[in-house]
């Protein structure tokens, strides 16, 4: 590491993009992953679609029970 760095030509916010979306990883238990994989294979879709559908259903249930 250098003792000093020259930031005289630096540009603030050069790499900042507010419209950028981050997809954070979600780590599932083996049992849950196997369950989702089984449903995804039966419906000929991917695990993300199945997980999103299940979570949306839970969200609707949670809204009703509030």
Protein backbone atom coordinates (compact mmCIF):
# COMPACT_ATOMS: atom_id res chain seq x y z
CA UNK A 1 0.00 0.00 0.00
CA UNK A 2 1.29 3.44 -0.87
CA UNK A 3 1.96 6.04 1.79
CA UNK A 4 -0.11 8.61 -0.15
CA UNK A 5 -2.61 8.50 -2.98
CA UNK A 6 -3.29 11.31 -5.44
CA UNK A 7 -7.03 12.05 -5.67
CA UNK A 8 -6.60 15.42 -7.41
CA UNK A 9 -8.21 14.09 -10.62
CA UNK A 10 -10.89 12.07 -8.85
CA UNK A 11 -14.53 12.47 -9.79
CA UNK A 12 -17.12 12.15 -7.03
CA UNK A 13 -19.94 9.73 -7.80
CA UNK A 14 -18.39 8.44 -11.01
CA UNK A 15 -19.47 4.86 -10.37
CA UNK A 16 -22.69 5.62 -8.49
CA UNK A 17 -25.82 4.55 -10.36
CA UNK A 18 -29.01 5.02 -8.31
CA UNK A 19 -31.11 2.95 -10.72
CA UNK A 20 -28.94 -0.14 -10.16
CA UNK A 21 -30.79 -3.02 -8.50
CA UNK A 22 -28.96 -5.49 -6.33
CA UNK A 23 -30.05 -9.10 -6.21
CA UNK A 24 -28.93 -10.37 -2.86
CA UNK A 25 -28.38 -14.09 -2.46
CA UNK A 26 -30.85 -16.04 -0.36
CA UNK A 27 -29.60 -19.15 1.38
CA UNK A 28 -32.18 -21.88 1.90
CA UNK A 29 -32.14 -24.92 4.13
CA UNK A 30 -31.63 -28.18 2.26
CA UNK A 31 -35.18 -29.31 3.03
CA UNK A 32 -36.68 -26.07 1.69
CA UNK A 33 -34.50 -26.14 -1.41
CA UNK A 34 -35.51 -29.74 -2.17
CA UNK A 35 -39.18 -28.80 -1.74
CA UNK A 36 -38.85 -25.87 -4.16
CA UNK A 37 -36.90 -27.93 -6.68
CA UNK A 38 -39.57 -30.61 -6.64
CA UNK A 39 -42.35 -28.08 -7.32
CA UNK A 40 -40.26 -26.33 -10.00
CA UNK A 41 -39.61 -29.61 -11.82
CA UNK A 42 -43.28 -30.59 -11.71
CA UNK A 43 -44.35 -27.19 -13.09
CA UNK A 44 -41.46 -27.01 -15.59
CA UNK A 45 -40.25 -23.68 -14.19
CA UNK A 46 -37.34 -22.39 -12.11
CA UNK A 47 -36.91 -22.22 -8.35
CA UNK A 48 -37.04 -18.41 -8.26
CA UNK A 49 -40.50 -18.37 -9.81
CA UNK A 50 -41.79 -20.94 -7.33
CA UNK A 51 -40.27 -19.11 -4.36
CA UNK A 52 -41.73 -15.78 -5.50
CA UNK A 53 -45.19 -17.30 -5.94
CA UNK A 54 -45.11 -18.86 -2.46
CA UNK A 55 -43.91 -15.64 -0.85
CA UNK A 56 -46.56 -13.57 -2.66
CA UNK A 57 -49.22 -15.98 -1.38
CA UNK A 58 -47.86 -15.59 2.16
CA UNK A 59 -47.89 -11.80 1.73
CA UNK A 60 -51.59 -11.89 0.79
CA UNK A 61 -52.36 -14.09 3.79
CA UNK A 62 -50.44 -11.74 6.06
CA UNK A 63 -52.40 -8.72 4.74
CA UNK A 64 -55.70 -10.46 5.44
CA UNK A 65 -54.72 -11.40 9.00
CA UNK A 66 -53.57 -7.89 9.96
